[in-house]
Protein backbone atom coordinates (compact mmCIF):
# COMPACT_ATOMS: atom_id res chain seq x y z
CA UNK A 1 0.00 0.00 0.00
CA UNK A 2 1.40 3.37 -1.04
CA UNK A 3 1.27 6.11 1.61
CA UNK A 4 -0.83 9.18 0.85
CA UNK A 5 1.22 11.31 3.24
CA UNK A 6 3.46 13.92 1.60
CA UNK A 7 7.11 13.08 2.16
CA UNK A 8 9.41 15.78 3.51
CA UNK A 9 13.19 15.69 3.94
CA UNK A 10 15.29 17.72 6.37
CA UNK A 11 19.06 17.90 6.03
CA UNK A 12 20.41 19.41 9.24
CA UNK A 13 22.20 18.71 12.51
CA UNK A 14 21.09 16.50 15.38
CA UNK A 15 20.11 18.21 18.63
CA UNK A 16 19.86 15.68 21.49
CA UNK A 17 17.68 18.04 23.54
CA UNK A 18 14.86 17.87 20.97
CA UNK A 19 14.68 21.66 20.89
CA UNK A 20 16.03 22.35 17.41
CA UNK A 21 17.70 20.73 14.42
CA UNK A 22 16.55 17.41 12.98
CA UNK A 23 14.49 16.55 16.05
CA UNK A 24 12.47 19.75 15.77
CA UNK A 25 11.98 19.26 12.04
CA UNK A 26 10.79 15.66 12.34
CA UNK A 27 8.30 16.54 15.06
CA UNK A 28 6.98 19.50 13.04
CA UNK A 29 6.64 17.43 9.87
CA UNK A 30 4.74 14.73 11.71
CA UNK A 31 2.53 17.25 13.50
CA UNK A 32 1.49 18.69 10.15
CA UNK A 33 0.71 15.34 8.54
CA UNK A 34 3.89 14.55 6.64
CA UNK A 35 6.13 11.50 6.54
CA UNK A 36 9.48 12.84 7.81
CA UNK A 37 12.86 11.90 6.38
CA UNK A 38 16.15 13.13 7.82
CA UNK A 39 19.77 13.46 6.78
CA UNK A 40 22.13 14.39 9.60
CA UNK A 41 24.87 16.89 8.74
CA UNK A 42 26.42 17.11 12.21
CA UNK A 43 26.05 16.18 15.85
CA UNK A 44 25.76 18.66 18.67
CA UNK A 45 26.21 18.46 22.42
CA UNK A 46 23.32 20.53 23.73
CA UNK A 47 20.56 20.84 26.29
CA UNK A 48 17.70 23.29 26.76
CA UNK A 49 20.22 25.98 27.74
CA UNK A 50 22.00 25.87 24.39
CA UNK A 51 24.72 24.19 22.40
CA UNK A 52 28.06 23.27 23.99
CA UNK A 53 29.85 21.55 21.09
CA UNK A 54 29.27 20.85 17.41
CA UNK A 55 30.86 18.12 15.28
CA UNK A 56 30.17 18.07 11.52
CA UNK A 57 29.78 14.69 9.86
CA UNK A 58 32.01 13.63 7.02
CA UNK A 59 30.54 14.95 3.80
CA UNK A 60 30.55 11.47 2.24
CA UNK A 61 28.25 10.22 5.00
CA UNK A 62 25.86 13.09 4.43
CA UNK A 63 25.71 12.43 0.70
CA UNK A 64 25.22 8.69 1.17
CA UNK A 65 22.29 9.28 3.52
CA UNK A 66 20.61 11.62 1.05
CA UNK A 67 21.18 9.57 -2.10
CA UNK A 68 19.77 6.38 -0.61
CA UNK A 69 16.60 8.14 0.54
CA UNK A 70 16.07 10.02 -2.71
CA UNK A 71 16.49 6.88 -4.81
CA UNK A 72 13.87 5.12 -2.68
CA UNK A 73 11.16 7.75 -2.16
CA UNK A 74 9.65 10.74 -3.92
CA UNK A 75 10.15 13.81 -1.74
CA UNK A 76 7.56 16.60 -1.97
CA UNK A 77 9.68 19.34 -0.35
CA UNK A 78 13.16 19.77 1.14
CA UNK A 79 14.62 21.67 4.04
CA UNK A 80 18.32 22.37 4.45
CA UNK A 81 19.28 23.58 7.91
CA UNK A 82 22.78 23.98 9.32
CA UNK A 83 25.10 22.37 6.77
CA UNK A 84 27.97 21.63 9.13
CA UNK A 85 30.84 22.48 6.79
CA UNK A 86 31.75 24.22 3.56
CA UNK A 87 32.30 20.88 1.82
CA UNK A 88 28.84 19.67 2.83
CA UNK A 89 27.26 22.92 1.64
CA UNK A 90 28.76 22.37 -1.79
CA UNK A 91 27.67 18.74 -1.87
CA UNK A 92 24.09 19.57 -0.86
CA UNK A 93 23.99 22.17 -3.61
CA UNK A 94 24.73 19.41 -6.11
CA UNK A 95 21.87 17.35 -4.73
CA UNK A 96 19.51 20.34 -4.88
CA UNK A 97 20.53 20.90 -8.51
CA UNK A 98 19.35 17.37 -9.34
CA UNK A 99 15.83 18.21 -8.07
CA UNK A 100 15.13 21.73 -9.36
CA UNK A 101 11.35 21.32 -9.29
CA UNK A 102 11.20 20.20 -5.65
CA UNK A 103 10.65 23.19 -3.34
CA UNK A 104 13.69 23.86 -1.17
CA UNK A 105 13.57 25.90 2.04
CA UNK A 106 16.97 26.93 3.41
CA UNK A 107 17.34 27.84 7.10
CA UNK A 108 21.13 28.02 7.46
CA UNK A 109 21.21 28.46 11.28
CA UNK A 110 24.56 30.15 10.95
CA UNK A 111 25.19 30.35 14.68
CA UNK A 112 25.25 26.60 15.26
CA UNK A 113 28.83 25.82 14.30
CA UNK A 114 30.34 27.86 17.12
CA UNK A 115 30.76 31.53 16.29
CA UNK A 116 28.38 33.10 13.81
CA UNK A 117 29.23 32.05 10.27
CA UNK A 118 32.67 32.74 8.95
CA UNK A 119 32.79 34.96 5.92
CA UNK A 120 33.92 31.98 3.84
CA UNK A 121 30.97 29.80 4.86
CA UNK A 122 28.50 32.63 4.20
CA UNK A 123 30.07 33.18 0.79
CA UNK A 124 29.78 29.49 -0.14
CA UNK A 125 26.15 29.33 0.96
CA UNK A 126 25.43 32.49 -1.02
CA UNK A 127 27.20 31.28 -4.15
CA UNK A 128 26.21 27.60 -4.32
CA UNK A 129 23.04 27.07 -2.27
CA UNK A 130 20.99 30.24 -2.70
CA UNK A 131 20.61 29.81 -6.49
CA UNK A 132 18.78 26.50 -5.83
CA UNK A 133 16.69 27.81 -2.94
CA UNK A 134 13.01 28.60 -3.32
CA UNK A 135 12.74 30.31 0.09
CA UNK A 136 15.44 31.41 2.53
CA UNK A 137 14.37 31.75 6.18
CA UNK A 138 16.77 33.84 8.25
CA UNK A 139 17.23 36.43 10.96
CA UNK A 140 18.17 40.04 10.10
CA UNK A 141 21.78 39.33 11.04
CA UNK A 142 21.89 36.22 8.86
CA UNK A 143 20.35 38.21 6.00
CA UNK A 144 23.14 40.74 6.40
CA UNK A 145 25.83 38.04 6.43
CA UNK A 146 24.45 36.32 3.34
CA UNK A 147 23.75 39.46 1.32
CA UNK A 148 26.94 41.44 1.91
CA UNK A 149 30.46 40.92 0.70
CA UNK A 150 31.74 42.65 3.82
CA UNK A 151 29.17 42.55 6.65
CA UNK A 152 31.63 44.00 9.16
CA UNK A 153 31.60 47.39 7.47
CA UNK A 154 28.23 47.23 5.73
CA UNK A 155 26.21 50.16 7.04
CA UNK A 156 22.96 49.30 5.23
CA UNK A 157 21.60 46.07 6.71
CA UNK A 158 17.94 47.05 6.28
CA UNK A 159 15.69 44.12 5.27
CA UNK A 160 14.69 45.62 1.93
CA UNK A 161 18.33 46.21 0.97
CA UNK A 162 19.28 42.69 2.01
CA UNK A 163 16.41 41.23 -0.02
CA UNK A 164 17.48 43.14 -3.13
CA UNK A 165 21.02 41.81 -2.86
CA UNK A 166 19.86 38.26 -2.12
CA UNK A 167 17.57 38.30 -5.16
CA UNK A 168 20.63 38.87 -7.35
CA UNK A 169 21.88 35.38 -6.44
CA UNK A 170 18.87 33.75 -8.12
CA UNK A 171 17.14 33.11 -4.79
CA UNK A 172 13.38 32.67 -5.15
CA UNK A 173 12.37 34.53 -1.99
CA UNK A 174 13.28 35.26 1.60
CA UNK A 175 11.47 35.42 4.93
CA UNK A 176 13.41 37.68 7.30
CA UNK A 177 12.16 37.07 10.82
CA UNK A 178 12.09 38.81 14.19
CA UNK A 179 12.57 42.38 12.99
CA UNK A 180 11.97 44.91 15.76
CA UNK A 181 8.86 47.05 15.22
CA UNK A 182 9.82 50.62 16.20
CA UNK A 183 6.17 51.70 16.33
CA UNK A 184 5.09 48.78 18.54
CA UNK A 185 7.81 47.57 20.94
CA UNK A 186 5.62 44.63 21.96
CA UNK A 187 5.65 43.29 18.40
CA UNK A 188 8.12 41.75 16.00
CA UNK A 189 7.78 41.79 12.24
CA UNK A 190 8.37 39.03 9.69
CA UNK A 191 9.09 40.39 6.19
CA UNK A 192 8.32 38.04 3.28
CA UNK A 193 9.84 38.75 -0.13
CA UNK A 194 9.37 37.25 -3.57
CA UNK A 195 12.55 38.14 -5.34
CA UNK A 196 13.24 41.70 -4.18
CA UNK A 197 9.57 42.60 -3.69
CA UNK A 198 8.13 42.60 -0.18
CA UNK A 199 4.74 40.90 -0.33
CA UNK A 200 3.97 40.70 3.40
CA UNK A 201 4.98 42.43 6.62
CA UNK A 202 3.33 40.48 9.39
CA UNK A 203 3.35 41.63 13.03
CA UNK A 204 3.41 39.12 15.87
CA UNK A 205 2.99 39.78 19.57
CA UNK A 206 6.10 39.28 21.68
CA UNK A 207 5.67 36.45 24.13
CA UNK A 208 7.07 36.56 27.67
CA UNK A 209 9.67 33.80 27.25
CA UNK A 210 12.75 33.03 25.17
CA UNK A 211 12.62 29.84 23.09
CA UNK A 212 14.97 27.29 21.54
CA UNK A 213 13.77 25.87 18.24
CA UNK A 214 11.35 28.53 17.04
CA UNK A 215 13.26 29.12 13.80
CA UNK A 216 13.55 25.44 12.94
CA UNK A 217 9.85 24.98 13.66
CA UNK A 218 9.03 27.82 11.28
CA UNK A 219 11.13 26.62 8.37
CA UNK A 220 9.99 23.01 8.82
CA UNK A 221 6.35 24.12 8.90
CA UNK A 222 6.84 25.98 5.62
CA UNK A 223 8.19 22.78 4.09
CA UNK A 224 5.22 20.79 5.42
CA UNK A 225 2.59 23.22 4.12
CA UNK A 226 4.39 23.38 0.76
CA UNK A 227 4.51 19.58 0.56
CA UNK A 228 0.75 19.55 1.16
CA UNK A 229 0.26 21.62 -2.00
CA UNK A 230 0.29 25.25 -0.93
CA UNK A 231 2.29 27.84 -2.92
CA UNK A 232 5.43 28.54 -0.96
CA UNK A 233 4.51 32.16 -0.16
CA UNK A 234 1.15 31.09 1.26
CA UNK A 235 2.89 28.27 3.12
CA UNK A 236 5.19 30.85 4.74
CA UNK A 237 2.18 32.80 6.00
CA UNK A 238 0.38 29.70 7.30
CA UNK A 239 3.57 28.50 8.97
CA UNK A 240 3.89 31.75 10.91
CA UNK A 241 0.42 31.23 12.38
CA UNK A 242 1.26 27.64 13.30
CA UNK A 243 4.53 28.62 14.96
CA UNK A 244 2.95 31.42 17.00
CA UNK A 245 0.57 28.84 18.41
CA UNK A 246 3.41 26.44 19.24
CA UNK A 247 5.15 29.25 21.12
CA UNK A 248 2.03 30.40 22.94
CA UNK A 249 1.59 26.80 24.11
CA UNK A 250 5.31 26.34 24.76
CA UNK A 251 6.75 24.74 27.86
CA UNK A 252 10.02 24.52 29.82
CA UNK A 253 11.18 20.89 30.01
CA UNK A 254 14.55 21.62 31.62
CA UNK A 255 16.54 24.39 33.28
CA UNK A 256 17.01 26.44 30.13
CA UNK A 257 14.80 27.98 27.48
CA UNK A 258 11.18 27.26 26.70
CA UNK A 259 10.44 24.93 23.76
CA UNK A 260 7.65 25.24 21.18
CA UNK A 261 4.83 22.75 21.72
CA UNK A 262 4.58 21.41 18.19
CA UNK A 263 1.75 19.10 19.21
CA UNK A 264 -0.36 21.80 20.89
CA UNK A 265 -3.41 20.80 18.84
CA UNK A 266 -3.40 17.24 20.23
CA UNK A 267 -4.24 18.06 23.84
CA UNK A 268 -7.82 17.90 25.20
CA UNK A 269 -8.08 21.66 25.78
CA UNK A 270 -6.69 22.58 22.36
CA UNK A 271 -8.54 25.13 20.24
CA UNK A 272 -8.55 25.61 16.51
CA UNK A 273 -8.76 29.38 16.94
CA UNK A 274 -5.61 31.45 16.58
CA UNK A 275 -5.36 33.42 19.80
CA UNK A 276 -3.56 36.48 18.48
CA UNK A 277 -4.37 39.10 15.89
CA UNK A 278 -2.11 39.38 12.87
CA UNK A 279 -2.57 40.85 9.46
CA UNK A 280 -0.58 41.47 6.34
CA UNK A 281 0.63 45.05 6.07
CA UNK A 282 1.39 44.82 2.38
């Protein structure tokens, strides 16, 4: 019997705490009705307080994982998270090039390898992965790193400027998250671009806690909604609503940060109503 579930694939690092990385992606995919596949690019030592160490896997192991899965199953949408190394970034770009019609969401999680991305890693991601990416999900700082040849002296890191530069790489679109709203300090803004054109500026209420795994939950949810048949821009909007609900229902399993409850809908007191107001400003 052939499964009717859309198949989604995440290529990212393993987080033993379950907060982020592959574990967050798999749980999000399953929560949204997808069959989750995973390719591990690296292994971290981490708990709910954060990451202590990171060890990238050999690139050959990453490629072998991916090729076996892709020869066996038809994947509806991809996610690439933290790539682990420059060599793996280049190898994953070759895989993405073999599946140009399969939507690819890139969430590079540049802070996971230790310090924020080296200039060389950012340059490789920009040159080899962005041209195959249908949607990039990143923070304002990551957008600056990926869009500038010299982020240390770049004095124009505004989201619109970053999006224009990123579009020149051949990138399909970008969702820049967690932008401070100067008019409403209790809100953050997510800017969604198709090419260089901003199609949505969505405000979200700040919640009282800090979270591990919110970004991975967002990018994985976009992949899941896209795999279910939504256009990727609409999937990005639906995923924001889903993630806000996971955060509002979040919990603190350890001594560190809160974690999104990606199964919030499964509990007896769950509601289908979104409990915050948001609207497109475009």
